[in-house]
Amino acid sequence: MFLFRMLFWIVIVILILPTGEPRPDADPGSAVTLTSAVGAAKATVSDMAGFCQRNEQVCRTGRTALTTFWAKARYGAGLLAEIVSGADGETAGAPRDTLRPDDLVPAWRGPAADDA
C-alpha cells in the first residue's frame, strides 16, 4: 500500500511540474485537462476492479505469489529480529532458565553506606 501512495504522490508532483518550453508541433486539441485526466483515472480504476472477474487464473496465481512473498517476509523479519537481539546460531535453540539460585546472588557488593 505504501508503494501505491508513493506512486500517487509522485504522479501528482509530476503533473504539477511545468513542461518547460511549449512544443511548436503540438496539436492544440491534444492538451490534457484536469477533467479529462480525472475521467481517465476513474475509467482505469473501474477497469481494474473487474480484472479478476475476467482473468481468474491470473488473480489466483498472483494471490498465491503474494501469500508466499508475505510468508518469506515474515520469516526474514524473524531472522532479522534474532540477529538484532543478539541470538546467534549457537544460542538460538539453547535452553533457558538454567541458573541455580546461588548463581543469582552477586559475588561482590560495594561498601555499605555506614562504612564510608
PDB file of N, CA and C in Angstrom:
ATOM      1  N   MET A   1       0.823  -1.183   0.000  1.00  0.00           N
ATOM      2  CA  MET A   1       0.000   0.000   0.000  1.00  0.00           C
ATOM      3  C   MET A   1       0.874   1.257   0.000  1.00  0.00           C
ATOM      4  N   PHE A   2       2.022   1.157   0.693  1.00  0.00           N
ATOM      5  CA  PHE A   2       2.938   2.298   0.735  1.00  0.00           C
ATOM      6  C   PHE A   2       3.401   2.673  -0.669  1.00  0.00           C
ATOM      7  N   LEU A   3       3.692   1.667  -1.497  1.00  0.00           N
ATOM      8  CA  LEU A   3       4.166   1.942  -2.852  1.00  0.00           C
ATOM      9  C   LEU A   3       3.103   2.648  -3.686  1.00  0.00           C
ATOM     10  N   PHE A   4       1.838   2.257  -3.505  1.00  0.00           N
ATOM     11  CA  PHE A   4       0.767   2.930  -4.238  1.00  0.00           C
ATOM     12  C   PHE A   4       0.639   4.383  -3.813  1.00  0.00           C
ATOM     13  N   ARG A   5       0.738   4.627  -2.527  1.00  0.00           N
ATOM     14  CA  ARG A   5       0.663   6.016  -2.043  1.00  0.00           C
ATOM     15  C   ARG A   5       1.823   6.837  -2.583  1.00  0.00           C
ATOM     16  N   MET A   6       3.026   6.246  -2.527  1.00  0.00           N
ATOM     17  CA  MET A   6       4.204   6.952  -3.021  1.00  0.00           C
ATOM     18  C   MET A   6       4.055   7.227  -4.517  1.00  0.00           C
ATOM     19  N   LEU A   7       3.596   6.236  -5.282  1.00  0.00           N
ATOM     20  CA  LEU A   7       3.391   6.411  -6.712  1.00  0.00           C
ATOM     21  C   LEU A   7       2.353   7.497  -6.978  1.00  0.00           C
ATOM     22  N   PHE A   8       1.285   7.506  -6.192  1.00  0.00           N
ATOM     23  CA  PHE A   8       0.251   8.523  -6.351  1.00  0.00           C
ATOM     24  C   PHE A   8       0.834   9.920  -6.186  1.00  0.00           C
ATOM     25  N   TRP A   9       1.610  10.136  -5.124  1.00  0.00           N
ATOM     26  CA  TRP A   9       2.151  11.473  -4.873  1.00  0.00           C
ATOM     27  C   TRP A   9       3.214  11.856  -5.895  1.00  0.00           C
ATOM     28  N   ILE A  10       3.962  10.888  -6.378  1.00  0.00           N
ATOM     29  CA  ILE A  10       4.943  11.198  -7.426  1.00  0.00           C
ATOM     30  C   ILE A  10       4.218  11.641  -8.689  1.00  0.00           C
ATOM     31  N   VAL A  11       3.140  10.964  -9.038  1.00  0.00           N
ATOM     32  CA  VAL A  11       2.360  11.347 -10.214  1.00  0.00           C
ATOM     33  C   VAL A  11       1.777  12.738 -10.035  1.00  0.00           C
ATOM     34  N   ILE A  12       1.277  13.039  -8.854  1.00  0.00           N
ATOM     35  CA  ILE A  12       0.709  14.382  -8.595  1.00  0.00           C
ATOM     36  C   ILE A  12       1.788  15.450  -8.768  1.00  0.00           C
ATOM     37  N   VAL A  13       2.969  15.202  -8.213  1.00  0.00           N
ATOM     38  CA  VAL A  13       4.056  16.184  -8.330  1.00  0.00           C
ATOM     39  C   VAL A  13       4.451  16.359  -9.788  1.00  0.00           C
ATOM     40  N   ILE A  14       4.538  15.266 -10.548  1.00  0.00           N
ATOM     41  CA  ILE A  14       4.907  15.360 -11.964  1.00  0.00           C
ATOM     42  C   ILE A  14       3.850  16.129 -12.745  1.00  0.00           C
ATOM     43  N   LEU A  15       2.569  15.917 -12.410  1.00  0.00           N
ATOM     44  CA  LEU A  15       1.511  16.649 -13.110  1.00  0.00           C
ATOM     45  C   LEU A  15       1.573  18.143 -12.833  1.00  0.00           C
ATOM     46  N   ILE A  16       2.031  18.525 -11.654  1.00  0.00           N
ATOM     47  CA  ILE A  16       2.098  19.942 -11.296  1.00  0.00           C
ATOM     48  C   ILE A  16       3.290  20.640 -11.949  1.00  0.00           C
ATOM     49  N   LEU A  17       4.363  19.895 -12.196  1.00  0.00           N
ATOM     50  CA  LEU A  17       5.566  20.491 -12.767  1.00  0.00           C
ATOM     51  C   LEU A  17       5.296  21.056 -14.162  1.00  0.00           C
ATOM     52  N   PRO A  18       5.942  22.180 -14.490  1.00  0.00           N
ATOM     53  CA  PRO A  18       5.782  22.714 -15.852  1.00  0.00           C
ATOM     54  C   PRO A  18       6.557  21.850 -16.848  1.00  0.00           C
ATOM     55  N   THR A  19       6.176  21.944 -18.123  1.00  0.00           N
ATOM     56  CA  THR A  19       6.839  21.139 -19.145  1.00  0.00           C
ATOM     57  C   THR A  19       8.059  21.827 -19.725  1.00  0.00           C
ATOM     58  N   GLY A  20       8.309  23.027 -19.358  1.00  0.00           N
ATOM     59  CA  GLY A  20       9.451  23.752 -19.933  1.00  0.00           C
ATOM     60  C   GLY A  20       8.968  24.574 -21.106  1.00  0.00           C
ATOM     61  N   GLU A  21       9.621  24.408 -22.233  1.00  0.00           N
ATOM     62  CA  GLU A  21       9.245  25.161 -23.429  1.00  0.00           C
ATOM     63  C   GLU A  21       8.025  24.528 -24.095  1.00  0.00           C
ATOM     64  N   PRO A  22       7.140  25.349 -24.622  1.00  0.00           N
ATOM     65  CA  PRO A  22       5.996  24.786 -25.339  1.00  0.00           C
ATOM     66  C   PRO A  22       6.465  24.136 -26.645  1.00  0.00           C
ATOM     67  N   ARG A  23       5.860  23.014 -26.982  1.00  0.00           N
ATOM     68  CA  ARG A  23       6.237  22.327 -28.217  1.00  0.00           C
ATOM     69  C   ARG A  23       5.544  23.004 -29.395  1.00  0.00           C
ATOM     70  N   PRO A  24       6.296  23.407 -30.400  1.00  0.00           N
ATOM     71  CA  PRO A  24       5.654  24.082 -31.531  1.00  0.00           C
ATOM     72  C   PRO A  24       4.826  23.128 -32.391  1.00  0.00           C
ATOM     73  N   ASP A  25       5.139  21.838 -32.390  1.00  0.00           N
ATOM     74  CA  ASP A  25       4.413  20.892 -33.223  1.00  0.00           C
ATOM     75  C   ASP A  25       3.212  20.268 -32.513  1.00  0.00           C
ATOM     76  N   ALA A  26       2.933  20.702 -31.283  1.00  0.00           N
ATOM     77  CA  ALA A  26       1.835  20.109 -30.513  1.00  0.00           C
ATOM     78  C   ALA A  26       0.494  20.559 -31.064  1.00  0.00           C
ATOM     79  N   ASP A  27      -0.425  19.621 -31.139  1.00  0.00           N
ATOM     80  CA  ASP A  27      -1.785  19.906 -31.589  1.00  0.00           C
ATOM     81  C   ASP A  27      -2.533  20.604 -30.460  1.00  0.00           C
ATOM     82  N   PRO A  28      -3.162  21.740 -30.696  1.00  0.00           N
ATOM     83  CA  PRO A  28      -3.856  22.437 -29.609  1.00  0.00           C
ATOM     84  C   PRO A  28      -4.972  21.612 -28.985  1.00  0.00           C
ATOM     85  N   GLY A  29      -5.561  20.683 -29.711  1.00  0.00           N
ATOM     86  CA  GLY A  29      -6.635  19.866 -29.169  1.00  0.00           C
ATOM     87  C   GLY A  29      -6.134  18.668 -28.370  1.00  0.00           C
ATOM     88  N   SER A  30      -4.805  18.447 -28.317  1.00  0.00           N
ATOM     89  CA  SER A  30      -4.273  17.277 -27.630  1.00  0.00           C
ATOM     90  C   SER A  30      -3.895  17.560 -26.177  1.00  0.00           C
ATOM     91  N   ALA A  31      -4.165  18.760 -25.708  1.00  0.00           N
ATOM     92  CA  ALA A  31      -3.816  19.095 -24.326  1.00  0.00           C
ATOM     93  C   ALA A  31      -4.698  18.297 -23.357  1.00  0.00           C
ATOM     94  N   VAL A  32      -4.102  17.844 -22.255  1.00  0.00           N
ATOM     95  CA  VAL A  32      -4.826  17.077 -21.245  1.00  0.00           C
ATOM     96  C   VAL A  32      -5.270  18.039 -20.156  1.00  0.00           C
ATOM     97  N   THR A  33      -6.563  18.080 -19.929  1.00  0.00           N
ATOM     98  CA  THR A  33      -7.087  18.925 -18.864  1.00  0.00           C
ATOM     99  C   THR A  33      -7.235  18.090 -17.600  1.00  0.00           C
ATOM    100  N   LEU A  34      -7.431  18.769 -16.504  1.00  0.00           N
ATOM    101  CA  LEU A  34      -7.624  18.075 -15.232  1.00  0.00           C
ATOM    102  C   LEU A  34      -8.868  17.193 -15.277  1.00  0.00           C
ATOM    103  N   THR A  35      -9.914  17.681 -15.912  1.00  0.00           N
ATOM    104  CA  THR A  35     -11.159  16.920 -16.011  1.00  0.00           C
ATOM    105  C   THR A  35     -10.958  15.633 -16.812  1.00  0.00           C
ATOM    106  N   SER A  36     -10.253  15.730 -17.921  1.00  0.00           N
ATOM    107  CA  SER A  36     -10.036  14.529 -18.733  1.00  0.00           C
ATOM    108  C   SER A  36      -9.095  13.552 -18.028  1.00  0.00           C
ATOM    109  N   ALA A  37      -8.119  14.058 -17.282  1.00  0.00           N
ATOM    110  CA  ALA A  37      -7.213  13.193 -16.539  1.00  0.00           C
ATOM    111  C   ALA A  37      -7.954  12.456 -15.426  1.00  0.00           C
ATOM    112  N   VAL A  38      -8.837  13.157 -14.717  1.00  0.00           N
ATOM    113  CA  VAL A  38      -9.618  12.521 -13.654  1.00  0.00           C
ATOM    114  C   VAL A  38     -10.564  11.485 -14.256  1.00  0.00           C
ATOM    115  N   GLY A  39     -11.169  11.788 -15.374  1.00  0.00           N
ATOM    116  CA  GLY A  39     -12.055  10.839 -16.043  1.00  0.00           C
ATOM    117  C   GLY A  39     -11.300   9.584 -16.470  1.00  0.00           C
ATOM    118  N   ALA A  40     -10.097   9.763 -16.995  1.00  0.00           N
ATOM    119  CA  ALA A  40      -9.283   8.615 -17.394  1.00  0.00           C
ATOM    120  C   ALA A  40      -8.880   7.781 -16.184  1.00  0.00           C
ATOM    121  N   ALA A  41      -8.571   8.443 -15.081  1.00  0.00           N
ATOM    122  CA  ALA A  41      -8.206   7.720 -13.862  1.00  0.00           C
ATOM    123  C   ALA A  41      -9.386   6.912 -13.336  1.00  0.00           C
ATOM    124  N   LYS A  42     -10.577   7.496 -13.360  1.00  0.00           N
ATOM    125  CA  LYS A  42     -11.774   6.770 -12.903  1.00  0.00           C
ATOM    126  C   LYS A  42     -12.047   5.558 -13.790  1.00  0.00           C
ATOM    127  N   ALA A  43     -11.890   5.729 -15.097  1.00  0.00           N
ATOM    128  CA  ALA A  43     -12.105   4.613 -16.018  1.00  0.00           C
ATOM    129  C   ALA A  43     -11.080   3.502 -15.779  1.00  0.00           C
ATOM    130  N   THR A  44      -9.857   3.873 -15.492  1.00  0.00           N
ATOM    131  CA  THR A  44      -8.818   2.878 -15.217  1.00  0.00           C
ATOM    132  C   THR A  44      -9.128   2.111 -13.951  1.00  0.00           C
ATOM    133  N   VAL A  45      -9.538   2.809 -12.905  1.00  0.00           N
ATOM    134  CA  VAL A  45      -9.868   2.142 -11.642  1.00  0.00           C
ATOM    135  C   VAL A  45     -11.053   1.201 -11.822  1.00  0.00           C
ATOM    136  N   SER A  46     -12.079   1.632 -12.547  1.00  0.00           N
ATOM    137  CA  SER A  46     -13.236   0.754 -12.741  1.00  0.00           C
ATOM    138  C   SER A  46     -12.864  -0.450 -13.603  1.00  0.00           C
ATOM    139  N   ASP A  47     -11.952  -0.277 -14.547  1.00  0.00           N
ATOM    140  CA  ASP A  47     -11.490  -1.406 -15.353  1.00  0.00           C
ATOM    141  C   ASP A  47     -10.669  -2.376 -14.508  1.00  0.00           C
ATOM    142  N   MET A  48      -9.854  -1.854 -13.616  1.00  0.00           N
ATOM    143  CA  MET A  48      -9.039  -2.712 -12.748  1.00  0.00           C
ATOM    144  C   MET A  48      -9.920  -3.472 -11.753  1.00  0.00           C
ATOM    145  N   ALA A  49     -11.053  -2.902 -11.381  1.00  0.00           N
ATOM    146  CA  ALA A  49     -11.947  -3.563 -10.432  1.00  0.00           C
ATOM    147  C   ALA A  49     -12.511  -4.852 -11.023  1.00  0.00           C
ATOM    148  N   GLY A  50     -12.711  -4.911 -12.321  1.00  0.00           N
ATOM    149  CA  GLY A  50     -13.250  -6.103 -12.958  1.00  0.00           C
ATOM    150  C   GLY A  50     -12.181  -7.031 -13.518  1.00  0.00           C
ATOM    151  N   PHE A  51     -10.931  -6.735 -13.268  1.00  0.00           N
ATOM    152  CA  PHE A  51      -9.836  -7.536 -13.824  1.00  0.00           C
ATOM    153  C   PHE A  51      -9.896  -8.987 -13.368  1.00  0.00           C
ATOM    154  N   CYS A  52     -10.120  -9.213 -12.091  1.00  0.00           N
ATOM    155  CA  CYS A  52     -10.134 -10.584 -11.570  1.00  0.00           C
ATOM    156  C   CYS A  52     -11.335 -11.378 -12.067  1.00  0.00           C
ATOM    157  N   GLN A  53     -12.409 -10.711 -12.424  1.00  0.00           N
ATOM    158  CA  GLN A  53     -13.545 -11.420 -12.995  1.00  0.00           C
ATOM    159  C   GLN A  53     -13.221 -11.914 -14.397  1.00  0.00           C
ATOM    160  N   ARG A  54     -12.442 -11.141 -15.137  1.00  0.00           N
ATOM    161  CA  ARG A  54     -12.074 -11.536 -16.493  1.00  0.00           C
ATOM    162  C   ARG A  54     -10.901 -12.509 -16.516  1.00  0.00           C
ATOM    163  N   ASN A  55     -10.013 -12.441 -15.524  1.00  0.00           N
ATOM    164  CA  ASN A  55      -8.784 -13.243 -15.510  1.00  0.00           C
ATOM    165  C   ASN A  55      -8.640 -13.942 -14.163  1.00  0.00           C
ATOM    166  N   GLU A  56      -9.471 -14.908 -13.894  1.00  0.00           N
ATOM    167  CA  GLU A  56      -9.476 -15.574 -12.592  1.00  0.00           C
ATOM    168  C   GLU A  56      -8.156 -16.283 -12.305  1.00  0.00           C
ATOM    169  N   GLN A  57      -7.590 -16.962 -13.302  1.00  0.00           N
ATOM    170  CA  GLN A  57      -6.350 -17.713 -13.088  1.00  0.00           C
ATOM    171  C   GLN A  57      -5.189 -16.769 -12.755  1.00  0.00           C
ATOM    172  N   VAL A  58      -5.119 -15.634 -13.410  1.00  0.00           N
ATOM    173  CA  VAL A  58      -4.055 -14.666 -13.138  1.00  0.00           C
ATOM    174  C   VAL A  58      -4.170 -14.161 -11.705  1.00  0.00           C
ATOM    175  N   CYS A  59      -5.367 -13.855 -11.269  1.00  0.00           N
ATOM    176  CA  CYS A  59      -5.553 -13.360  -9.904  1.00  0.00           C
ATOM    177  C   CYS A  59      -5.256 -14.453  -8.881  1.00  0.00           C
ATOM    178  N   ARG A  60      -5.629 -15.687  -9.165  1.00  0.00           N
ATOM    179  CA  ARG A  60      -5.351 -16.792  -8.259  1.00  0.00           C
ATOM    180  C   ARG A  60      -3.835 -16.984  -8.117  1.00  0.00           C
ATOM    181  N   THR A  61      -3.119 -16.943  -9.239  1.00  0.00           N
ATOM    182  CA  THR A  61      -1.658 -17.085  -9.208  1.00  0.00           C
ATOM    183  C   THR A  61      -1.022 -15.912  -8.467  1.00  0.00           C
ATOM    184  N   GLY A  62      -1.506 -14.719  -8.726  1.00  0.00           N
ATOM    185  CA  GLY A  62      -0.977 -13.542  -8.032  1.00  0.00           C
ATOM    186  C   GLY A  62      -1.213 -13.603  -6.540  1.00  0.00           C
ATOM    187  N   ARG A  63      -2.386 -14.079  -6.141  1.00  0.00           N
ATOM    188  CA  ARG A  63      -2.707 -14.206  -4.726  1.00  0.00           C
ATOM    189  C   ARG A  63      -1.775 -15.218  -4.058  1.00  0.00           C
ATOM    190  N   THR A  64      -1.516 -16.340  -4.745  1.00  0.00           N
ATOM    191  CA  THR A  64      -0.599 -17.354  -4.205  1.00  0.00           C
ATOM    192  C   THR A  64       0.814 -16.792  -4.090  1.00  0.00           C
ATOM    193  N   ALA A  65       1.250 -16.065  -5.111  1.00  0.00           N
ATOM    194  CA  ALA A  65       2.586 -15.465  -5.079  1.00  0.00           C
ATOM    195  C   ALA A  65       2.692 -14.444  -3.950  1.00  0.00           C
ATOM    196  N   LEU A  66       1.655 -13.657  -3.758  1.00  0.00           N
ATOM    197  CA  LEU A  66       1.671 -12.655  -2.694  1.00  0.00           C
ATOM    198  C   LEU A  66       1.685 -13.314  -1.316  1.00  0.00           C
ATOM    199  N   THR A  67       0.933 -14.406  -1.152  1.00  0.00           N
ATOM    200  CA  THR A  67       0.934 -15.138   0.116  1.00  0.00           C
ATOM    201  C   THR A  67       2.321 -15.698   0.414  1.00  0.00           C
ATOM    202  N   THR A  68       2.962 -16.261  -0.607  1.00  0.00           N
ATOM    203  CA  THR A  68       4.320 -16.784  -0.435  1.00  0.00           C
ATOM    204  C   THR A  68       5.291 -15.659  -0.093  1.00  0.00           C
ATOM    205  N   PHE A  69       5.138 -14.519  -0.772  1.00  0.00           N
ATOM    206  CA  PHE A  69       6.007 -13.372  -0.504  1.00  0.00           C
ATOM    207  C   PHE A  69       5.878 -12.920   0.947  1.00  0.00           C
ATOM    208  N   TRP A  70       4.632 -12.808   1.450  1.00  0.00           N
ATOM    209  CA  TRP A  70       4.436 -12.348   2.830  1.00  0.00           C
ATOM    210  C   TRP A  70       4.976 -13.362   3.839  1.00  0.00           C
ATOM    211  N   ALA A  71       4.851 -14.662   3.533  1.00  0.00           N
ATOM    212  CA  ALA A  71       5.408 -15.683   4.429  1.00  0.00           C
ATOM    213  C   ALA A  71       6.927 -15.552   4.486  1.00  0.00           C
ATOM    214  N   LYS A  72       7.550 -15.335   3.348  1.00  0.00           N
ATOM    215  CA  LYS A  72       9.009 -15.147   3.320  1.00  0.00           C
ATOM    216  C   LYS A  72       9.402 -13.864   4.045  1.00  0.00           C
ATOM    217  N   ALA A  73       8.609 -12.816   3.885  1.00  0.00           N
ATOM    218  CA  ALA A  73       8.918 -11.554   4.557  1.00  0.00           C
ATOM    219  C   ALA A  73       8.827 -11.707   6.069  1.00  0.00           C
ATOM    220  N   ARG A  74       7.799 -12.422   6.555  1.00  0.00           N
ATOM    221  CA  ARG A  74       7.678 -12.658   7.999  1.00  0.00           C
ATOM    222  C   ARG A  74       8.850 -13.477   8.515  1.00  0.00           C
ATOM    223  N   TYR A  75       9.226 -14.521   7.768  1.00  0.00           N
ATOM    224  CA  TYR A  75      10.351 -15.360   8.180  1.00  0.00           C
ATOM    225  C   TYR A  75      11.636 -14.539   8.212  1.00  0.00           C
ATOM    226  N   GLY A  76      11.861 -13.728   7.198  1.00  0.00           N
ATOM    227  CA  GLY A  76      13.047 -12.873   7.158  1.00  0.00           C
ATOM    228  C   GLY A  76      13.058 -11.864   8.291  1.00  0.00           C
ATOM    229  N   ALA A  77      11.907 -11.308   8.612  1.00  0.00           N
ATOM    230  CA  ALA A  77      11.826 -10.360   9.727  1.00  0.00           C
ATOM    231  C   ALA A  77      12.147 -11.060  11.042  1.00  0.00           C
ATOM    232  N   GLY A  78      11.690 -12.306  11.189  1.00  0.00           N
ATOM    233  CA  GLY A  78      12.017 -13.070  12.401  1.00  0.00           C
ATOM    234  C   GLY A  78      13.507 -13.337  12.509  1.00  0.00           C
ATOM    235  N   LEU A  79      14.144 -13.696  11.380  1.00  0.00           N
ATOM    236  CA  LEU A  79      15.590 -13.903  11.389  1.00  0.00           C
ATOM    237  C   LEU A  79      16.326 -12.614  11.744  1.00  0.00           C
ATOM    238  N   LEU A  80      15.868 -11.516  11.162  1.00  0.00           N
ATOM    239  CA  LEU A  80      16.487 -10.229  11.454  1.00  0.00           C
ATOM    240  C   LEU A  80      16.314  -9.856  12.918  1.00  0.00           C
ATOM    241  N   ALA A  81      15.158 -10.133  13.487  1.00  0.00           N
ATOM    242  CA  ALA A  81      14.928  -9.841  14.909  1.00  0.00           C
ATOM    243  C   ALA A  81      15.853 -10.673  15.786  1.00  0.00           C
ATOM    244  N   GLU A  82      16.099 -11.931  15.411  1.00  0.00           N
ATOM    245  CA  GLU A  82      17.030 -12.765  16.176  1.00  0.00           C
ATOM    246  C   GLU A  82      18.443 -12.214  16.104  1.00  0.00           C
ATOM    247  N   ILE A  83      18.848 -11.763  14.919  1.00  0.00           N
ATOM    248  CA  ILE A  83      20.196 -11.214  14.749  1.00  0.00           C
ATOM    249  C   ILE A  83      20.353  -9.938  15.559  1.00  0.00           C
ATOM    250  N   VAL A  84      19.354  -9.063  15.492  1.00  0.00           N
ATOM    251  CA  VAL A  84      19.429  -7.786  16.205  1.00  0.00           C
ATOM    252  C   VAL A  84      19.406  -7.999  17.713  1.00  0.00           C
ATOM    253  N   SER A  85      18.637  -8.978  18.193  1.00  0.00           N
ATOM    254  CA  SER A  85      18.549  -9.198  19.630  1.00  0.00           C
ATOM    255  C   SER A  85      19.772  -9.920  20.178  1.00  0.00           C
ATOM    256  N   GLY A  86      20.676 -10.351  19.305  1.00  0.00           N
ATOM    257  CA  GLY A  86      21.902 -10.980  19.772  1.00  0.00           C
ATOM    258  C   GLY A  86      21.845 -12.485  19.811  1.00  0.00           C
ATOM    259  N   ALA A  87      20.759 -13.082  19.388  1.00  0.00           N
ATOM    260  CA  ALA A  87      20.670 -14.536  19.380  1.00  0.00           C
ATOM    261  C   ALA A  87      21.307 -15.027  18.094  1.00  0.00           C
ATOM    262  N   ASP A  88      22.507 -15.598  18.196  1.00  0.00           N
ATOM    263  CA  ASP A  88      23.160 -16.125  17.006  1.00  0.00           C
ATOM    264  C   ASP A  88      22.842 -17.605  16.849  1.00  0.00           C
ATOM    265  N   GLY A  89      23.464 -18.252  15.890  1.00  0.00           N
ATOM    266  CA  GLY A  89      23.163 -19.639  15.605  1.00  0.00           C
ATOM    267  C   GLY A  89      23.454 -20.574  16.759  1.00  0.00           C
ATOM    268  N   GLU A  90      24.431 -20.248  17.604  1.00  0.00           N
ATOM    269  CA  GLU A  90      24.806 -21.144  18.701  1.00  0.00           C
ATOM    270  C   GLU A  90      23.817 -21.088  19.857  1.00  0.00           C
ATOM    271  N   THR A  91      23.231 -19.934  20.107  1.00  0.00           N
ATOM    272  CA  THR A  91      22.364 -19.797  21.280  1.00  0.00           C
ATOM    273  C   THR A  91      20.893 -19.759  20.933  1.00  0.00           C
ATOM    274  N   ALA A  92      20.558 -19.825  19.634  1.00  0.00           N
ATOM    275  CA  ALA A  92      19.156 -19.679  19.250  1.00  0.00           C
ATOM    276  C   ALA A  92      18.281 -20.781  19.839  1.00  0.00           C
ATOM    277  N   GLY A  93      18.780 -22.026  19.919  1.00  0.00           N
ATOM    278  CA  GLY A  93      17.964 -23.100  20.448  1.00  0.00           C
ATOM    279  C   GLY A  93      18.382 -23.530  21.839  1.00  0.00           C
ATOM    280  N   ALA A  94      19.213 -22.725  22.511  1.00  0.00           N
ATOM    281  CA  ALA A  94      19.720 -23.088  23.831  1.00  0.00           C
ATOM    282  C   ALA A  94      18.605 -23.040  24.866  1.00  0.00           C
ATOM    283  N   PRO A  95      18.651 -23.951  25.850  1.00  0.00           N
ATOM    284  CA  PRO A  95      17.622 -23.918  26.901  1.00  0.00           C
ATOM    285  C   PRO A  95      17.759 -22.658  27.757  1.00  0.00           C
ATOM    286  N   ARG A  96      16.667 -22.220  28.301  1.00  0.00           N
ATOM    287  CA  ARG A  96      16.662 -21.009  29.136  1.00  0.00           C
ATOM    288  C   ARG A  96      16.363 -21.394  30.581  1.00  0.00           C
ATOM    289  N   ASP A  97      16.519 -20.443  31.495  1.00  0.00           N
ATOM    290  CA  ASP A  97      16.250 -20.621  32.923  1.00  0.00           C
ATOM    291  C   ASP A  97      17.069 -21.776  33.511  1.00  0.00           C
ATOM    292  N   THR A  98      18.367 -21.769  33.252  1.00  0.00           N
ATOM    293  CA  THR A  98      19.233 -22.842  33.752  1.00  0.00           C
ATOM    294  C   THR A  98      20.075 -22.394  34.942  1.00  0.00           C
ATOM    295  N   LEU A  99      19.903 -21.166  35.431  1.00  0.00           N
ATOM    296  CA  LEU A  99      20.689 -20.694  36.572  1.00  0.00           C
ATOM    297  C   LEU A  99      20.140 -21.273  37.871  1.00  0.00           C
ATOM    298  N   ARG A 100      21.058 -21.587  38.777  1.00  0.00           N
ATOM    299  CA  ARG A 100      20.666 -22.024  40.120  1.00  0.00           C
ATOM    300  C   ARG A 100      20.488 -20.786  40.991  1.00  0.00           C
ATOM    301  N   PRO A 101      19.799 -20.886  42.124  1.00  0.00           N
ATOM    302  CA  PRO A 101      19.594 -19.706  42.979  1.00  0.00           C
ATOM    303  C   PRO A 101      20.906 -19.075  43.444  1.00  0.00           C
ATOM    304  N   ASP A 102      21.951 -19.880  43.741  1.00  0.00           N
ATOM    305  CA  ASP A 102      23.208 -19.287  44.188  1.00  0.00           C
ATOM    306  C   ASP A 102      23.940 -18.585  43.039  1.00  0.00           C
ATOM    307  N   ASP A 103      23.598 -18.896  41.787  1.00  0.00           N
ATOM    308  CA  ASP A 103      24.175 -18.171  40.652  1.00  0.00           C
ATOM    309  C   ASP A 103      23.623 -16.748  40.577  1.00  0.00           C
ATOM    310  N   LEU A 104      22.451 -16.541  41.121  1.00  0.00           N
ATOM    311  CA  LEU A 104      21.813 -15.239  41.047  1.00  0.00           C
ATOM    312  C   LEU A 104      22.280 -14.286  42.143  1.00  0.00           C
ATOM    313  N   VAL A 105      22.969 -14.792  43.166  1.00  0.00           N
ATOM    314  CA  VAL A 105      23.465 -13.953  44.262  1.00  0.00           C
ATOM    315  C   VAL A 105      24.743 -13.265  43.787  1.00  0.00           C
ATOM    316  N   PRO A 106      24.813 -11.945  43.915  1.00  0.00           N
ATOM    317  CA  PRO A 106      26.025 -11.253  43.469  1.00  0.00           C
ATOM    318  C   PRO A 106      27.233 -11.658  44.315  1.00  0.00           C
ATOM    319  N   ALA A 107      28.403 -11.793  43.679  1.00  0.00           N
ATOM    320  CA  ALA A 107      29.610 -12.227  44.372  1.00  0.00           C
ATOM    321  C   ALA A 107      30.242 -11.081  45.154  1.00  0.00           C
ATOM    322  N   TRP A 108      30.036  -9.864  44.751  1.00  0.00           N
ATOM    323  CA  TRP A 108      30.673  -8.729  45.410  1.00  0.00           C
ATOM    324  C   TRP A 108      29.672  -7.618  45.564  1.00  0.00           C
ATOM    325  N   ARG A 109      29.764  -6.911  46.696  1.00  0.00           N
ATOM    326  CA  ARG A 109      28.919  -5.734  46.909  1.00  0.00           C
ATOM    327  C   ARG A 109      29.841  -4.577  47.301  1.00  0.00           C
ATOM    328  N   GLY A 110      29.451  -3.404  46.965  1.00  0.00           N
ATOM    329  CA  GLY A 110      30.232  -2.220  47.313  1.00  0.00           C
ATOM    330  C   GLY A 110      30.180  -1.948  48.804  1.00  0.00           C
ATOM    331  N   PRO A 111      30.967  -0.984  49.300  1.00  0.00           N
ATOM    332  CA  PRO A 111      30.949  -0.678  50.721  1.00  0.00           C
ATOM    333  C   PRO A 111      29.569  -0.184  51.177  1.00  0.00           C
ATOM    334  N   ALA A 112      29.208  -0.575  52.368  1.00  0.00           N
ATOM    335  CA  ALA A 112      27.923  -0.146  52.927  1.00  0.00           C
ATOM    336  C   ALA A 112      27.950   1.358  53.179  1.00  0.00           C
ATOM    337  N   ALA A 113      26.798   1.953  53.277  1.00  0.00           N
ATOM    338  CA  ALA A 113      26.699   3.408  53.457  1.00  0.00           C
ATOM    339  C   ALA A 113      27.314   3.833  54.782  1.00  0.00           C
ATOM    340  N   ASP A 114      27.256   3.019  55.879  1.00  0.00           N
ATOM    341  CA  ASP A 114      27.818   3.442  57.171  1.00  0.00           C
ATOM    342  C   ASP A 114      29.336   3.255  57.195  1.00  0.00           C
ATOM    343  N   ASP A 115      29.938   2.462  56.287  1.00  0.00           N
ATOM    344  CA  ASP A 115      31.375   2.257  56.272  1.00  0.00           C
ATOM    345  C   ASP A 115      32.093   3.452  55.650  1.00  0.00           C
ATOM    346  N   ALA A 116      31.439   4.249  54.896  1.00  0.00           N
ATOM    347  CA  ALA A 116      32.098   5.349  54.187  1.00  0.00           C
ATOM    348  C   ALA A 116      32.273   6.493  55.054  1.00  0.00           C
TER     349      ALA A 116
END
